[in-house]
Amino acid sequence: MRVLCFSIILAVVSPIVSRGDDLIPGVLKFDPPGLFESGTAGRARDDIFSGVGELRRYGAKDYDIRTGQRDVIINVREVGFSIGDGKVVTYHRLDEAARRAWMQTVEDSTPNATNITKVTDAKVGDQSALFASYQIARPYWSKKPGAFFPFEVYWVRIQTNRVVEIQLIGDTPEHLETLRPCLTRFTVKRSGG
């Protein structure tokens, strides 16, 4: 039920979110560098029980399907929950080790991902974060069919069972490298729990 309520709140707040870089008022801000077009509001998911809500998607100004791709996708993800009979959502308290294991399970289950790394420690803004990376083949990429796109995923805890998930995506390791400085441009404050 909590996931459903969160999804409804996210849908209502999305028009407000799309006007600025204060993505979650008082909790998450992002000051995007000049290489990005203005961000677009997140998209709804087909599965409301996935626990993931996309807040914002930023694409590089030089995006051209024929020459390159660089994206930053910002999600809010519910963690440490199970769905029982009658679609009743139960939340479990997660310590740091359990949160790390949850992230590893999520990344390991990413469809078509290869070269998945073990979850390690990182920083986003001035907050501790968890980090994992992987590659996904793009068989129909016009620049180079079958190219492997590198992905980096960062989780920053904002509540006991909620993290901000930041995905950096490039069409080459060099393009991905240009996105890493964005991580210092996030301001994250934990709220309750």
N, C-alpha and C. Protein backbone atom coordinates (compact mmCIF):
# COMPACT_ATOMS: atom_id res chain seq x y z
N MET A 1 0.82 -1.19 0.00
CA MET A 1 0.00 0.00 0.00
C MET A 1 0.87 1.26 0.00
N ARG A 2 1.97 1.18 0.78
CA ARG A 2 2.86 2.34 0.86
C ARG A 2 3.48 2.65 -0.50
N VAL A 3 3.83 1.59 -1.27
CA VAL A 3 4.39 1.79 -2.60
C VAL A 3 3.36 2.46 -3.51
N LEU A 4 2.11 2.01 -3.42
CA LEU A 4 1.04 2.59 -4.21
C LEU A 4 0.86 4.06 -3.86
N CYS A 5 0.83 4.37 -2.57
CA CYS A 5 0.69 5.77 -2.13
C CYS A 5 1.85 6.61 -2.63
N PHE A 6 3.07 6.07 -2.53
CA PHE A 6 4.24 6.79 -3.01
C PHE A 6 4.14 7.05 -4.51
N SER A 7 3.67 6.07 -5.28
CA SER A 7 3.53 6.24 -6.72
C SER A 7 2.53 7.34 -7.05
N ILE A 8 1.43 7.39 -6.31
CA ILE A 8 0.41 8.42 -6.54
C ILE A 8 0.98 9.80 -6.19
N ILE A 9 1.69 9.90 -5.07
CA ILE A 9 2.31 11.18 -4.69
C ILE A 9 3.30 11.61 -5.75
N LEU A 10 4.11 10.68 -6.24
CA LEU A 10 5.09 11.00 -7.27
C LEU A 10 4.40 11.51 -8.54
N ALA A 11 3.29 10.90 -8.91
CA ALA A 11 2.56 11.34 -10.10
C ALA A 11 2.00 12.75 -9.92
N VAL A 12 1.53 13.06 -8.73
CA VAL A 12 0.97 14.39 -8.45
C VAL A 12 2.07 15.43 -8.40
N VAL A 13 3.23 15.07 -7.83
CA VAL A 13 4.32 16.02 -7.66
C VAL A 13 5.13 16.21 -8.94
N SER A 14 5.06 15.30 -9.89
CA SER A 14 5.87 15.38 -11.10
C SER A 14 5.80 16.71 -11.82
N PRO A 15 4.62 17.32 -12.01
CA PRO A 15 4.61 18.63 -12.67
C PRO A 15 5.40 19.68 -11.88
N ILE A 16 5.36 19.61 -10.55
CA ILE A 16 6.12 20.55 -9.74
C ILE A 16 7.60 20.26 -9.88
N VAL A 17 7.97 18.97 -9.85
CA VAL A 17 9.36 18.56 -9.95
C VAL A 17 9.98 19.01 -11.26
N SER A 18 9.23 19.00 -12.34
CA SER A 18 9.79 19.29 -13.64
C SER A 18 10.19 20.75 -13.84
N ARG A 19 9.84 21.65 -12.91
CA ARG A 19 10.17 23.05 -13.08
C ARG A 19 11.52 23.46 -12.51
N GLY A 20 12.21 22.59 -11.83
CA GLY A 20 13.46 23.00 -11.21
C GLY A 20 14.34 21.84 -10.87
N ASP A 21 15.42 22.18 -10.20
CA ASP A 21 16.39 21.17 -9.84
C ASP A 21 16.21 20.69 -8.40
N ASP A 22 15.19 21.21 -7.70
CA ASP A 22 14.86 20.73 -6.37
C ASP A 22 13.96 19.51 -6.57
N LEU A 23 14.59 18.36 -6.78
CA LEU A 23 13.86 17.17 -7.22
C LEU A 23 12.93 16.61 -6.15
N ILE A 24 13.39 16.60 -4.90
CA ILE A 24 12.54 16.25 -3.76
C ILE A 24 12.77 17.38 -2.76
N PRO A 25 11.82 18.31 -2.66
CA PRO A 25 12.04 19.50 -1.82
C PRO A 25 12.58 19.16 -0.43
N GLY A 26 13.68 19.80 -0.09
CA GLY A 26 14.30 19.60 1.21
C GLY A 26 15.13 18.34 1.35
N VAL A 27 15.13 17.47 0.32
CA VAL A 27 15.84 16.20 0.40
C VAL A 27 16.87 16.05 -0.72
N LEU A 28 16.49 16.34 -1.96
CA LEU A 28 17.36 16.09 -3.11
C LEU A 28 17.37 17.27 -4.07
N LYS A 29 18.57 17.80 -4.31
CA LYS A 29 18.77 18.85 -5.30
C LYS A 29 19.85 18.41 -6.26
N PHE A 30 19.75 18.87 -7.50
CA PHE A 30 20.77 18.59 -8.50
C PHE A 30 21.00 19.84 -9.31
N ASP A 31 22.23 20.24 -9.41
CA ASP A 31 22.64 21.40 -10.19
C ASP A 31 23.31 20.86 -11.45
N PRO A 32 22.54 20.62 -12.52
CA PRO A 32 23.10 19.97 -13.69
C PRO A 32 24.11 20.87 -14.40
N PRO A 33 25.23 20.29 -14.85
CA PRO A 33 26.20 21.08 -15.60
C PRO A 33 25.65 21.46 -16.97
N GLY A 34 26.33 22.36 -17.62
CA GLY A 34 25.87 22.87 -18.92
C GLY A 34 25.82 21.87 -20.05
N LEU A 35 26.39 20.70 -19.86
CA LEU A 35 26.38 19.72 -20.96
C LEU A 35 25.01 19.09 -21.17
N PHE A 36 24.07 19.34 -20.24
CA PHE A 36 22.75 18.72 -20.34
C PHE A 36 21.69 19.67 -20.87
N GLU A 37 20.74 19.08 -21.60
CA GLU A 37 19.49 19.77 -21.89
C GLU A 37 18.75 19.83 -20.56
N SER A 38 17.72 20.66 -20.48
CA SER A 38 16.95 20.66 -19.24
C SER A 38 16.35 19.26 -19.07
N GLY A 39 16.25 18.83 -17.82
CA GLY A 39 15.76 17.49 -17.55
C GLY A 39 14.29 17.33 -17.88
N THR A 40 13.92 16.10 -18.16
CA THR A 40 12.51 15.81 -18.41
C THR A 40 11.96 15.07 -17.20
N ALA A 41 10.68 15.29 -16.93
CA ALA A 41 10.04 14.64 -15.78
C ALA A 41 10.07 13.14 -15.98
N GLY A 42 10.11 12.42 -14.87
CA GLY A 42 10.15 10.97 -14.91
C GLY A 42 8.93 10.36 -15.55
N ARG A 43 9.07 9.10 -15.90
CA ARG A 43 7.98 8.37 -16.53
C ARG A 43 7.40 7.36 -15.56
N ALA A 44 6.14 7.13 -15.67
CA ALA A 44 5.48 6.13 -14.82
C ALA A 44 5.91 4.74 -15.25
N ARG A 45 5.87 3.81 -14.35
CA ARG A 45 6.20 2.41 -14.65
C ARG A 45 4.92 1.61 -14.81
N ASP A 46 5.02 0.55 -15.60
CA ASP A 46 3.87 -0.34 -15.78
C ASP A 46 3.57 -1.11 -14.50
N ASP A 47 4.60 -1.44 -13.73
CA ASP A 47 4.45 -2.25 -12.54
C ASP A 47 4.53 -1.36 -11.30
N ILE A 48 3.38 -1.01 -10.73
CA ILE A 48 3.38 -0.12 -9.58
C ILE A 48 3.98 -0.78 -8.34
N PHE A 49 4.17 -2.10 -8.40
CA PHE A 49 4.77 -2.80 -7.26
C PHE A 49 6.27 -3.00 -7.44
N SER A 50 6.88 -2.35 -8.43
CA SER A 50 8.32 -2.50 -8.64
C SER A 50 9.11 -1.76 -7.57
N GLY A 51 8.50 -0.75 -6.97
CA GLY A 51 9.20 0.02 -5.95
C GLY A 51 10.11 1.09 -6.53
N VAL A 52 10.02 1.35 -7.84
CA VAL A 52 10.89 2.33 -8.48
C VAL A 52 10.05 3.43 -9.12
N GLY A 53 10.41 4.68 -8.86
CA GLY A 53 9.75 5.82 -9.49
C GLY A 53 10.79 6.73 -10.10
N GLU A 54 10.70 6.97 -11.39
CA GLU A 54 11.67 7.84 -12.06
C GLU A 54 11.32 9.30 -11.79
N LEU A 55 12.28 10.05 -11.25
CA LEU A 55 12.08 11.46 -10.96
C LEU A 55 12.43 12.34 -12.15
N ARG A 56 13.59 12.09 -12.73
CA ARG A 56 14.09 13.01 -13.76
C ARG A 56 15.09 12.29 -14.64
N ARG A 57 15.15 12.72 -15.88
CA ARG A 57 16.07 12.17 -16.87
C ARG A 57 16.75 13.34 -17.58
N TYR A 58 18.08 13.32 -17.56
CA TYR A 58 18.86 14.36 -18.23
C TYR A 58 19.64 13.74 -19.38
N GLY A 59 19.59 14.37 -20.54
CA GLY A 59 20.36 13.92 -21.70
C GLY A 59 21.33 15.00 -22.12
N ALA A 60 22.48 14.59 -22.62
CA ALA A 60 23.49 15.54 -23.06
C ALA A 60 22.99 16.33 -24.27
N LYS A 61 23.39 17.61 -24.35
CA LYS A 61 22.97 18.47 -25.46
C LYS A 61 23.47 17.95 -26.81
N ASP A 62 24.61 17.27 -26.79
CA ASP A 62 25.18 16.78 -28.05
C ASP A 62 24.64 15.40 -28.44
N TYR A 63 23.53 15.00 -27.83
CA TYR A 63 22.96 13.68 -28.13
C TYR A 63 22.57 13.60 -29.60
N ASP A 64 23.04 12.57 -30.23
CA ASP A 64 22.70 12.26 -31.62
C ASP A 64 22.80 10.75 -31.74
N ILE A 65 21.72 10.11 -32.08
CA ILE A 65 21.67 8.65 -32.14
C ILE A 65 22.79 8.08 -33.00
N ARG A 66 23.31 8.89 -33.92
CA ARG A 66 24.36 8.39 -34.81
C ARG A 66 25.76 8.55 -34.22
N THR A 67 25.92 9.40 -33.21
CA THR A 67 27.27 9.69 -32.74
C THR A 67 27.52 9.47 -31.25
N GLY A 68 26.52 9.48 -30.42
CA GLY A 68 26.80 9.28 -29.01
C GLY A 68 25.59 9.46 -28.12
N GLN A 69 25.71 8.92 -26.91
CA GLN A 69 24.64 9.03 -25.94
C GLN A 69 25.24 9.17 -24.55
N ARG A 70 24.73 10.13 -23.77
CA ARG A 70 25.10 10.32 -22.36
C ARG A 70 23.83 10.71 -21.63
N ASP A 71 23.48 9.93 -20.60
CA ASP A 71 22.27 10.19 -19.83
C ASP A 71 22.54 10.06 -18.34
N VAL A 72 21.79 10.84 -17.56
CA VAL A 72 21.73 10.68 -16.12
C VAL A 72 20.25 10.49 -15.79
N ILE A 73 19.94 9.39 -15.13
CA ILE A 73 18.56 9.08 -14.75
C ILE A 73 18.50 9.02 -13.23
N ILE A 74 17.54 9.73 -12.66
CA ILE A 74 17.40 9.80 -11.20
C ILE A 74 16.07 9.17 -10.81
N ASN A 75 16.16 8.15 -9.96
CA ASN A 75 14.98 7.41 -9.50
C ASN A 75 14.90 7.46 -7.98
N VAL A 76 13.72 7.20 -7.46
CA VAL A 76 13.54 6.89 -6.05
C VAL A 76 13.16 5.43 -6.01
N ARG A 77 13.86 4.68 -5.16
CA ARG A 77 13.63 3.23 -5.10
C ARG A 77 13.31 2.82 -3.67
N GLU A 78 12.24 2.05 -3.52
CA GLU A 78 11.89 1.43 -2.24
C GLU A 78 12.75 0.18 -2.11
N VAL A 79 13.30 -0.06 -0.93
CA VAL A 79 14.13 -1.25 -0.69
C VAL A 79 13.68 -1.93 0.59
N GLY A 80 13.98 -3.22 0.69
CA GLY A 80 13.68 -3.94 1.92
C GLY A 80 12.20 -4.16 2.15
N PHE A 81 11.48 -4.53 1.11
CA PHE A 81 10.06 -4.79 1.28
C PHE A 81 9.69 -6.08 0.59
N SER A 82 8.57 -6.63 1.00
CA SER A 82 8.03 -7.81 0.34
C SER A 82 6.54 -7.59 0.16
N ILE A 83 6.00 -8.29 -0.82
CA ILE A 83 4.57 -8.17 -1.11
C ILE A 83 3.95 -9.54 -0.84
N GLY A 84 3.00 -9.55 0.07
CA GLY A 84 2.37 -10.80 0.48
C GLY A 84 0.98 -10.98 -0.10
N ASP A 85 0.23 -11.90 0.49
CA ASP A 85 -1.14 -12.17 0.06
C ASP A 85 -1.95 -10.89 0.06
N GLY A 86 -2.78 -10.73 -0.92
CA GLY A 86 -3.62 -9.55 -1.02
C GLY A 86 -2.83 -8.30 -1.37
N LYS A 87 -1.61 -8.51 -1.88
CA LYS A 87 -0.72 -7.41 -2.27
C LYS A 87 -0.42 -6.47 -1.10
N VAL A 88 -0.30 -7.06 0.08
CA VAL A 88 0.06 -6.30 1.28
C VAL A 88 1.57 -6.13 1.30
N VAL A 89 2.02 -4.90 1.39
CA VAL A 89 3.45 -4.59 1.39
C VAL A 89 3.94 -4.58 2.84
N THR A 90 5.02 -5.32 3.08
CA THR A 90 5.64 -5.36 4.41
C THR A 90 7.06 -4.83 4.27
N TYR A 91 7.41 -3.85 5.11
CA TYR A 91 8.75 -3.29 5.10
C TYR A 91 9.60 -3.93 6.19
N HIS A 92 10.86 -4.15 5.88
CA HIS A 92 11.81 -4.74 6.81
C HIS A 92 12.91 -3.71 7.08
N ARG A 93 13.37 -3.65 8.31
CA ARG A 93 14.46 -2.73 8.64
C ARG A 93 15.74 -3.26 8.02
N LEU A 94 16.45 -2.41 7.30
CA LEU A 94 17.70 -2.82 6.67
C LEU A 94 18.88 -2.11 7.32
N ASP A 95 19.90 -2.88 7.68
CA ASP A 95 21.15 -2.24 8.07
C ASP A 95 21.97 -2.07 6.79
N GLU A 96 23.16 -1.52 6.91
CA GLU A 96 23.97 -1.22 5.72
C GLU A 96 24.31 -2.49 4.93
N ALA A 97 24.62 -3.58 5.63
CA ALA A 97 24.95 -4.84 4.94
C ALA A 97 23.75 -5.36 4.15
N ALA A 98 22.56 -5.28 4.74
CA ALA A 98 21.35 -5.74 4.05
C ALA A 98 21.02 -4.85 2.86
N ARG A 99 21.23 -3.55 2.99
CA ARG A 99 20.99 -2.62 1.88
C ARG A 99 21.96 -2.93 0.72
N ARG A 100 23.22 -3.19 1.08
CA ARG A 100 24.23 -3.56 0.07
C ARG A 100 23.82 -4.84 -0.65
N ALA A 101 23.35 -5.85 0.11
CA ALA A 101 22.92 -7.11 -0.49
C ALA A 101 21.70 -6.90 -1.38
N TRP A 102 20.78 -6.03 -0.96
CA TRP A 102 19.59 -5.73 -1.77
C TRP A 102 20.03 -5.11 -3.11
N MET A 103 20.96 -4.17 -3.05
CA MET A 103 21.44 -3.54 -4.29
C MET A 103 22.11 -4.58 -5.19
N GLN A 104 22.92 -5.45 -4.61
CA GLN A 104 23.59 -6.47 -5.43
C GLN A 104 22.56 -7.34 -6.13
N THR A 105 21.49 -7.71 -5.42
CA THR A 105 20.43 -8.53 -6.01
C THR A 105 19.75 -7.79 -7.15
N VAL A 106 19.47 -6.50 -6.95
CA VAL A 106 18.84 -5.70 -8.01
C VAL A 106 19.74 -5.63 -9.23
N GLU A 107 21.02 -5.33 -9.03
CA GLU A 107 21.93 -5.20 -10.18
C GLU A 107 22.14 -6.54 -10.87
N ASP A 108 22.26 -7.62 -10.08
CA ASP A 108 22.44 -8.95 -10.67
C ASP A 108 21.24 -9.37 -11.51
N SER A 109 20.06 -8.83 -11.21
CA SER A 109 18.85 -9.21 -11.95
C SER A 109 18.55 -8.26 -13.11
N THR A 110 19.43 -7.31 -13.39
CA THR A 110 19.22 -6.39 -14.51
C THR A 110 19.24 -7.17 -15.82
N PRO A 111 18.17 -7.10 -16.62
CA PRO A 111 18.12 -7.88 -17.86
C PRO A 111 19.28 -7.53 -18.81
N ASN A 112 19.90 -8.55 -19.36
CA ASN A 112 20.96 -8.44 -20.37
C ASN A 112 22.25 -7.79 -19.87
N ALA A 113 22.39 -7.60 -18.57
CA ALA A 113 23.61 -6.98 -18.03
C ALA A 113 24.74 -8.01 -17.97
N THR A 114 25.95 -7.54 -18.28
CA THR A 114 27.15 -8.37 -18.18
C THR A 114 28.19 -7.58 -17.39
N ASN A 115 29.23 -8.27 -16.97
CA ASN A 115 30.33 -7.64 -16.23
C ASN A 115 29.83 -6.84 -15.03
N ILE A 116 28.90 -7.42 -14.29
CA ILE A 116 28.33 -6.74 -13.12
C ILE A 116 29.37 -6.77 -12.00
N THR A 117 29.66 -5.60 -11.44
CA THR A 117 30.63 -5.51 -10.36
C THR A 117 29.96 -5.79 -9.02
N LYS A 118 30.76 -6.06 -8.03
CA LYS A 118 30.27 -6.16 -6.65
C LYS A 118 29.99 -4.75 -6.15
N VAL A 119 29.01 -4.61 -5.30
CA VAL A 119 28.65 -3.31 -4.74
C VAL A 119 29.79 -2.84 -3.84
N THR A 120 30.18 -1.57 -4.03
CA THR A 120 31.24 -0.96 -3.23
C THR A 120 30.75 0.38 -2.68
N ASP A 121 31.58 0.99 -1.86
CA ASP A 121 31.26 2.30 -1.29
C ASP A 121 31.63 3.41 -2.27
N ALA A 122 30.89 4.51 -2.21
CA ALA A 122 31.13 5.66 -3.08
C ALA A 122 30.62 6.91 -2.36
N LYS A 123 30.66 8.03 -3.05
CA LYS A 123 30.13 9.30 -2.55
C LYS A 123 29.27 9.93 -3.64
N VAL A 124 28.18 10.52 -3.21
CA VAL A 124 27.34 11.35 -4.08
C VAL A 124 27.14 12.65 -3.30
N GLY A 125 27.61 13.75 -3.88
CA GLY A 125 27.63 14.98 -3.10
C GLY A 125 28.51 14.74 -1.90
N ASP A 126 28.01 15.05 -0.71
CA ASP A 126 28.80 14.78 0.50
C ASP A 126 28.25 13.60 1.28
N GLN A 127 27.40 12.79 0.65
CA GLN A 127 26.79 11.64 1.32
C GLN A 127 27.45 10.32 0.91
N SER A 128 27.50 9.39 1.84
CA SER A 128 27.95 8.04 1.52
C SER A 128 26.93 7.41 0.57
N ALA A 129 27.45 6.58 -0.32
CA ALA A 129 26.58 5.93 -1.31
C ALA A 129 27.10 4.52 -1.57
N LEU A 130 26.27 3.74 -2.23
CA LEU A 130 26.67 2.43 -2.72
C LEU A 130 26.79 2.53 -4.24
N PHE A 131 27.68 1.72 -4.81
CA PHE A 131 27.98 1.82 -6.24
C PHE A 131 28.11 0.43 -6.85
N ALA A 132 27.60 0.29 -8.07
CA ALA A 132 27.81 -0.91 -8.87
C ALA A 132 27.82 -0.49 -10.34
N SER A 133 28.43 -1.30 -11.18
CA SER A 133 28.45 -0.99 -12.61
C SER A 133 28.24 -2.28 -13.41
N TYR A 134 27.87 -2.09 -14.66
CA TYR A 134 27.68 -3.22 -15.56
C TYR A 134 27.65 -2.69 -16.99
N GLN A 135 27.52 -3.60 -17.95
CA GLN A 135 27.40 -3.24 -19.37
C GLN A 135 26.18 -3.93 -19.94
N ILE A 136 25.59 -3.27 -20.93
CA ILE A 136 24.47 -3.88 -21.66
C ILE A 136 24.74 -3.71 -23.15
N ALA A 137 24.64 -4.81 -23.89
CA ALA A 137 24.86 -4.77 -25.34
C ALA A 137 23.67 -4.09 -26.01
N ARG A 138 23.95 -3.26 -26.97
CA ARG A 138 22.93 -2.59 -27.78
C ARG A 138 23.05 -3.12 -29.21
N PRO A 139 22.32 -4.20 -29.54
CA PRO A 139 22.50 -4.83 -30.85
C PRO A 139 22.13 -3.95 -32.04
N TYR A 140 21.28 -2.95 -31.84
CA TYR A 140 20.84 -2.13 -32.96
C TYR A 140 21.39 -0.71 -32.91
N TRP A 141 22.44 -0.46 -32.14
CA TRP A 141 23.04 0.86 -32.04
C TRP A 141 23.62 1.23 -33.40
N SER A 142 23.16 2.34 -33.98
CA SER A 142 23.56 2.69 -35.35
C SER A 142 25.03 3.05 -35.45
N LYS A 143 25.62 3.57 -34.37
CA LYS A 143 27.03 3.95 -34.40
C LYS A 143 27.92 2.71 -34.50
N LYS A 144 27.57 1.68 -33.73
CA LYS A 144 28.35 0.45 -33.72
C LYS A 144 27.44 -0.67 -33.22
N PRO A 145 26.76 -1.38 -34.14
CA PRO A 145 25.85 -2.44 -33.71
C PRO A 145 26.54 -3.42 -32.77
N GLY A 146 25.86 -3.74 -31.67
CA GLY A 146 26.40 -4.68 -30.69
C GLY A 146 27.31 -4.04 -29.65
N ALA A 147 27.44 -2.72 -29.69
CA ALA A 147 28.30 -2.03 -28.72
C ALA A 147 27.80 -2.27 -27.30
N PHE A 148 28.72 -2.32 -26.36
CA PHE A 148 28.37 -2.45 -24.95
C PHE A 148 28.34 -1.06 -24.32
N PHE A 149 27.17 -0.70 -23.80
CA PHE A 149 27.01 0.58 -23.11
C PHE A 149 27.36 0.39 -21.64
N PRO A 150 28.28 1.20 -21.11
CA PRO A 150 28.58 1.10 -19.68
C PRO A 150 27.54 1.85 -18.85
N PHE A 151 27.15 1.25 -17.73
CA PHE A 151 26.19 1.83 -16.78
C PHE A 151 26.87 1.90 -15.42
N GLU A 152 26.65 2.99 -14.69
CA GLU A 152 27.05 3.07 -13.30
C GLU A 152 25.81 3.42 -12.50
N VAL A 153 25.63 2.76 -11.35
CA VAL A 153 24.45 2.97 -10.52
C VAL A 153 24.91 3.32 -9.11
N TYR A 154 24.32 4.38 -8.56
CA TYR A 154 24.64 4.84 -7.21
C TYR A 154 23.35 4.88 -6.40
N TRP A 155 23.42 4.40 -5.16
CA TRP A 155 22.28 4.46 -4.24
C TRP A 155 22.68 5.30 -3.04
N VAL A 156 21.85 6.29 -2.71
CA VAL A 156 22.04 7.11 -1.52
C VAL A 156 20.78 6.96 -0.67
N ARG A 157 20.96 6.54 0.58
CA ARG A 157 19.81 6.34 1.47
C ARG A 157 19.23 7.69 1.87
N ILE A 158 17.90 7.82 1.71
CA ILE A 158 17.23 9.04 2.16
C ILE A 158 16.24 8.75 3.28
N GLN A 159 15.80 7.51 3.40
CA GLN A 159 14.96 7.04 4.50
C GLN A 159 15.32 5.58 4.74
N THR A 160 14.78 5.02 5.79
CA THR A 160 15.12 3.64 6.13
C THR A 160 14.93 2.70 4.95
N ASN A 161 13.82 2.79 4.25
CA ASN A 161 13.53 1.89 3.14
C ASN A 161 13.43 2.62 1.80
N ARG A 162 14.15 3.70 1.66
CA ARG A 162 14.08 4.46 0.41
C ARG A 162 15.47 5.00 0.07
N VAL A 163 15.84 4.83 -1.20
CA VAL A 163 17.11 5.36 -1.69
C VAL A 163 16.86 6.19 -2.94
N VAL A 164 17.77 7.14 -3.17
CA VAL A 164 17.82 7.81 -4.46
C VAL A 164 18.77 6.98 -5.30
N GLU A 165 18.34 6.62 -6.48
CA GLU A 165 19.16 5.83 -7.39
C GLU A 165 19.56 6.73 -8.55
N ILE A 166 20.85 6.85 -8.77
CA ILE A 166 21.37 7.67 -9.87
C ILE A 166 22.06 6.75 -10.86
N GLN A 167 21.60 6.79 -12.10
CA GLN A 167 22.20 5.96 -13.14
C GLN A 167 22.94 6.86 -14.12
N LEU A 168 24.21 6.55 -14.37
CA LEU A 168 25.00 7.22 -15.40
C LEU A 168 25.13 6.25 -16.56
N ILE A 169 24.81 6.71 -17.76
CA ILE A 169 24.82 5.83 -18.93
C ILE A 169 25.55 6.53 -20.07
N GLY A 170 26.48 5.84 -20.67
CA GLY A 170 27.19 6.37 -21.83
C GLY A 170 27.26 5.32 -22.91
N ASP A 171 27.56 5.74 -24.12
CA ASP A 171 27.72 4.76 -25.19
C ASP A 171 29.16 4.26 -25.27
N THR A 172 30.07 4.95 -24.57
CA THR A 172 31.47 4.53 -24.48
C THR A 172 31.98 4.81 -23.07
N PRO A 173 33.04 4.15 -22.65
CA PRO A 173 33.63 4.47 -21.35
C PRO A 173 34.06 5.94 -21.27
N GLU A 174 34.52 6.50 -22.37
CA GLU A 174 34.94 7.91 -22.39
C GLU A 174 33.76 8.84 -22.14
N HIS A 175 32.61 8.56 -22.76
CA HIS A 175 31.42 9.38 -22.52
C HIS A 175 30.92 9.21 -21.09
N LEU A 176 31.00 8.01 -20.56
CA LEU A 176 30.59 7.79 -19.17
C LEU A 176 31.48 8.59 -18.22
N GLU A 177 32.76 8.64 -18.51
CA GLU A 177 33.70 9.39 -17.67
C GLU A 177 33.31 10.86 -17.56
N THR A 178 32.74 11.43 -18.61
CA THR A 178 32.35 12.85 -18.58
C THR A 178 31.15 13.09 -17.67
N LEU A 179 30.44 12.02 -17.28
CA LEU A 179 29.27 12.16 -16.41
C LEU A 179 29.61 12.09 -14.92
N ARG A 180 30.71 11.47 -14.58
CA ARG A 180 31.05 11.29 -13.15
C ARG A 180 31.14 12.59 -12.36
N PRO A 181 31.65 13.69 -12.93
CA PRO A 181 31.67 14.94 -12.16
C PRO A 181 30.28 15.41 -11.71
N CYS A 182 29.22 14.92 -12.36
CA CYS A 182 27.85 15.28 -11.96
C CYS A 182 27.56 14.85 -10.53
N LEU A 183 28.21 13.82 -10.06
CA LEU A 183 27.93 13.29 -8.72
C LEU A 183 28.22 14.31 -7.63
N THR A 184 29.15 15.21 -7.87
CA THR A 184 29.46 16.24 -6.87
C THR A 184 28.42 17.35 -6.87
N ARG A 185 27.54 17.36 -7.85
CA ARG A 185 26.55 18.43 -7.98
C ARG A 185 25.21 18.08 -7.33
N PHE A 186 25.16 16.96 -6.63
CA PHE A 186 23.95 16.55 -5.90
C PHE A 186 24.06 17.00 -4.45
N THR A 187 22.93 17.45 -3.90
CA THR A 187 22.81 17.72 -2.47
C THR A 187 21.72 16.79 -1.97
N VAL A 188 22.09 15.90 -1.04
CA VAL A 188 21.16 14.91 -0.52
C VAL A 188 21.10 15.05 1.00
N LYS A 189 19.87 15.13 1.51
CA LYS A 189 19.67 15.17 2.97
C LYS A 189 18.72 14.05 3.33
N ARG A 190 19.09 13.30 4.33
CA ARG A 190 18.21 12.21 4.78
C ARG A 190 17.03 12.81 5.51
N SER A 191 15.89 12.20 5.28
CA SER A 191 14.68 12.66 5.97
C SER A 191 14.13 11.51 6.79
N GLY A 192 13.77 11.74 8.00
CA GLY A 192 13.19 10.73 8.89
C GLY A 192 13.58 9.31 8.62
N GLY A 193 13.73 8.52 9.63
CA GLY A 193 14.00 7.10 9.50
C GLY A 193 15.36 6.74 9.08
